[in-house]
């Protein structure tokens, strides 16, 4: 269990989706340091295809991958995972599933 005294709030942009953390990894870490996709996949111990899917936003950054990125780049796990949460939340709010649209809230009476 990790205890923290900081309260974390995820701020979502209003007019555009948040940048997928895979794009941040590519643009802010891989490109400036000349890390190839193959090298990054080896460092993260994932397939090159999996890495490419993350970079292009087709796969999310899991908690496990967030931990690996945090260790590799000496960042926080929260940086990667909260970026993924913000991306997912923005899309979920704007594009609710069919199942979600059919759920009716319960009328809860607390006595």
C-alpha atoms as a PDB file:
ATOM      1  CA  UNK A   1       0.000   0.000   0.000  1.00  0.00           C
ATOM      2  CA  UNK A   2       1.336   3.396  -0.954  1.00  0.00           C
ATOM      3  CA  UNK A   3       0.300   6.273   1.269  1.00  0.00           C
ATOM      4  CA  UNK A   4       0.429   9.808  -0.003  1.00  0.00           C
ATOM      5  CA  UNK A   5      -0.482  13.091   1.592  1.00  0.00           C
ATOM      6  CA  UNK A   6      -1.118  14.759  -1.771  1.00  0.00           C
ATOM      7  CA  UNK A   7      -4.614  14.933  -3.192  1.00  0.00           C
ATOM      8  CA  UNK A   8      -4.467  14.253  -6.906  1.00  0.00           C
ATOM      9  CA  UNK A   9      -6.882  15.865  -9.306  1.00  0.00           C
ATOM     10  CA  UNK A  10      -6.942  14.983 -12.954  1.00  0.00           C
ATOM     11  CA  UNK A  11      -7.631  18.013 -15.113  1.00  0.00           C
ATOM     12  CA  UNK A  12      -9.185  17.261 -18.458  1.00  0.00           C
ATOM     13  CA  UNK A  13      -8.960  19.591 -21.437  1.00  0.00           C
ATOM     14  CA  UNK A  14     -12.353  20.852 -22.582  1.00  0.00           C
ATOM     15  CA  UNK A  15     -11.904  21.219 -26.339  1.00  0.00           C
ATOM     16  CA  UNK A  16      -9.542  18.397 -27.219  1.00  0.00           C
ATOM     17  CA  UNK A  17      -8.638  14.954 -25.951  1.00  0.00           C
ATOM     18  CA  UNK A  18      -5.623  14.606 -23.675  1.00  0.00           C
ATOM     19  CA  UNK A  19      -2.478  13.387 -25.376  1.00  0.00           C
ATOM     20  CA  UNK A  20      -2.149   9.620 -25.133  1.00  0.00           C
ATOM     21  CA  UNK A  21       0.811   8.744 -22.882  1.00  0.00           C
ATOM     22  CA  UNK A  22       2.201   6.549 -25.660  1.00  0.00           C
ATOM     23  CA  UNK A  23       2.610   9.658 -27.779  1.00  0.00           C
ATOM     24  CA  UNK A  24       4.301  11.413 -24.856  1.00  0.00           C
ATOM     25  CA  UNK A  25       6.692   8.476 -24.519  1.00  0.00           C
ATOM     26  CA  UNK A  26       7.583   8.683 -28.206  1.00  0.00           C
ATOM     27  CA  UNK A  27       7.818  12.469 -28.525  1.00  0.00           C
ATOM     28  CA  UNK A  28       9.331  13.413 -25.166  1.00  0.00           C
ATOM     29  CA  UNK A  29      11.541  10.416 -24.425  1.00  0.00           C
ATOM     30  CA  UNK A  30      12.267   8.241 -27.449  1.00  0.00           C
ATOM     31  CA  UNK A  31      12.876  10.920 -30.084  1.00  0.00           C
ATOM     32  CA  UNK A  32      15.059  13.305 -28.038  1.00  0.00           C
ATOM     33  CA  UNK A  33      17.246  10.445 -26.824  1.00  0.00           C
ATOM     34  CA  UNK A  34      17.329   8.597 -30.170  1.00  0.00           C
ATOM     35  CA  UNK A  35      15.771   5.437 -28.717  1.00  0.00           C
ATOM     36  CA  UNK A  36      14.440   3.209 -31.493  1.00  0.00           C
ATOM     37  CA  UNK A  37      11.191   1.292 -31.217  1.00  0.00           C
ATOM     38  CA  UNK A  38      13.137  -1.953 -31.085  1.00  0.00           C
ATOM     39  CA  UNK A  39      15.410  -0.658 -28.307  1.00  0.00           C
ATOM     40  CA  UNK A  40      12.433   0.635 -26.306  1.00  0.00           C
ATOM     41  CA  UNK A  41      10.597  -2.656 -26.664  1.00  0.00           C
ATOM     42  CA  UNK A  42      13.679  -4.495 -25.393  1.00  0.00           C
ATOM     43  CA  UNK A  43      14.047  -2.095 -22.431  1.00  0.00           C
ATOM     44  CA  UNK A  44      10.371  -2.533 -21.520  1.00  0.00           C
ATOM     45  CA  UNK A  45      10.460  -6.287 -22.174  1.00  0.00           C
ATOM     46  CA  UNK A  46       7.457  -6.147 -24.515  1.00  0.00           C
ATOM     47  CA  UNK A  47       7.052  -6.946 -28.195  1.00  0.00           C
ATOM     48  CA  UNK A  48       7.734  -4.245 -30.760  1.00  0.00           C
ATOM     49  CA  UNK A  49       4.126  -4.594 -31.955  1.00  0.00           C
ATOM     50  CA  UNK A  50       2.824  -3.975 -28.430  1.00  0.00           C
ATOM     51  CA  UNK A  51       5.019  -0.883 -28.184  1.00  0.00           C
ATOM     52  CA  UNK A  52       3.807   0.439 -31.560  1.00  0.00           C
ATOM     53  CA  UNK A  53       0.194  -0.098 -30.463  1.00  0.00           C
ATOM     54  CA  UNK A  54       0.885   1.935 -27.302  1.00  0.00           C
ATOM     55  CA  UNK A  55       2.612   4.719 -29.260  1.00  0.00           C
ATOM     56  CA  UNK A  56      -0.343   4.995 -31.647  1.00  0.00           C
ATOM     57  CA  UNK A  57      -2.923   4.908 -28.855  1.00  0.00           C
ATOM     58  CA  UNK A  58      -4.358   1.537 -29.852  1.00  0.00           C
ATOM     59  CA  UNK A  59      -3.365   0.002 -26.503  1.00  0.00           C
ATOM     60  CA  UNK A  60      -3.384   1.629 -23.090  1.00  0.00           C
ATOM     61  CA  UNK A  61      -0.422   1.942 -20.785  1.00  0.00           C
ATOM     62  CA  UNK A  62      -1.165  -0.651 -18.131  1.00  0.00           C
ATOM     63  CA  UNK A  63      -0.082  -0.273 -14.547  1.00  0.00           C
ATOM     64  CA  UNK A  64       2.727  -2.749 -15.224  1.00  0.00           C
ATOM     65  CA  UNK A  65       3.982  -0.763 -18.224  1.00  0.00           C
ATOM     66  CA  UNK A  66       3.643   2.465 -16.201  1.00  0.00           C
ATOM     67  CA  UNK A  67       5.913   0.924 -13.561  1.00  0.00           C
ATOM     68  CA  UNK A  68       8.455  -0.099 -16.182  1.00  0.00           C
ATOM     69  CA  UNK A  69       8.434   3.352 -17.808  1.00  0.00           C
ATOM     70  CA  UNK A  70       8.786   5.030 -14.420  1.00  0.00           C
ATOM     71  CA  UNK A  71      11.806   2.912 -13.576  1.00  0.00           C
ATOM     72  CA  UNK A  72      13.358   3.274 -17.032  1.00  0.00           C
ATOM     73  CA  UNK A  73      13.041   7.070 -17.188  1.00  0.00           C
ATOM     74  CA  UNK A  74      13.198   7.795 -13.434  1.00  0.00           C
ATOM     75  CA  UNK A  75       9.733   9.324 -13.436  1.00  0.00           C
ATOM     76  CA  UNK A  76       6.749   8.503 -11.275  1.00  0.00           C
ATOM     77  CA  UNK A  77       4.323   5.686 -11.946  1.00  0.00           C
ATOM     78  CA  UNK A  78       1.555   8.249 -11.451  1.00  0.00           C
ATOM     79  CA  UNK A  79       2.832  10.359 -14.363  1.00  0.00           C
ATOM     80  CA  UNK A  80       2.198   7.518 -16.822  1.00  0.00           C
ATOM     81  CA  UNK A  81      -0.844   5.980 -15.200  1.00  0.00           C
ATOM     82  CA  UNK A  82      -2.672   9.254 -14.591  1.00  0.00           C
ATOM     83  CA  UNK A  83      -1.981  10.247 -18.180  1.00  0.00           C
ATOM     84  CA  UNK A  84      -3.680   7.034 -19.294  1.00  0.00           C
ATOM     85  CA  UNK A  85      -6.569   7.603 -16.867  1.00  0.00           C
ATOM     86  CA  UNK A  86      -7.093  11.145 -18.161  1.00  0.00           C
ATOM     87  CA  UNK A  87      -7.092   9.895 -21.756  1.00  0.00           C
ATOM     88  CA  UNK A  88      -9.536   7.074 -20.970  1.00  0.00           C
ATOM     89  CA  UNK A  89     -11.799   9.285 -18.854  1.00  0.00           C
ATOM     90  CA  UNK A  90     -12.047  12.001 -21.513  1.00  0.00           C
ATOM     91  CA  UNK A  91     -13.100   9.441 -24.127  1.00  0.00           C
ATOM     92  CA  UNK A  92     -15.480   7.563 -21.799  1.00  0.00           C
ATOM     93  CA  UNK A  93     -17.345  10.730 -20.815  1.00  0.00           C
ATOM     94  CA  UNK A  94     -17.758  11.858 -24.422  1.00  0.00           C
ATOM     95  CA  UNK A  95     -18.499   8.442 -25.907  1.00  0.00           C
ATOM     96  CA  UNK A  96     -20.486   6.371 -23.378  1.00  0.00           C
ATOM     97  CA  UNK A  97     -21.127   2.747 -24.291  1.00  0.00           C
ATOM     98  CA  UNK A  98     -24.580   1.517 -25.313  1.00  0.00           C
ATOM     99  CA  UNK A  99     -24.781  -0.476 -22.096  1.00  0.00           C
ATOM    100  CA  UNK A 100     -23.998   2.579 -19.990  1.00  0.00           C
ATOM    101  CA  UNK A 101     -26.733   4.612 -21.701  1.00  0.00           C
ATOM    102  CA  UNK A 102     -29.318   1.959 -20.773  1.00  0.00           C
ATOM    103  CA  UNK A 103     -28.534   1.952 -17.028  1.00  0.00           C
ATOM    104  CA  UNK A 104     -31.020   3.861 -14.925  1.00  0.00           C
ATOM    105  CA  UNK A 105     -29.821   5.244 -11.572  1.00  0.00           C
ATOM    106  CA  UNK A 106     -31.301   3.638  -8.475  1.00  0.00           C
ATOM    107  CA  UNK A 107     -33.566   5.639  -6.212  1.00  0.00           C
ATOM    108  CA  UNK A 108     -31.799   5.087  -2.907  1.00  0.00           C
ATOM    109  CA  UNK A 109     -33.585   6.130   0.245  1.00  0.00           C
ATOM    110  CA  UNK A 110     -31.342   6.353   3.246  1.00  0.00           C
ATOM    111  CA  UNK A 111     -33.299   6.246   6.499  1.00  0.00           C
END
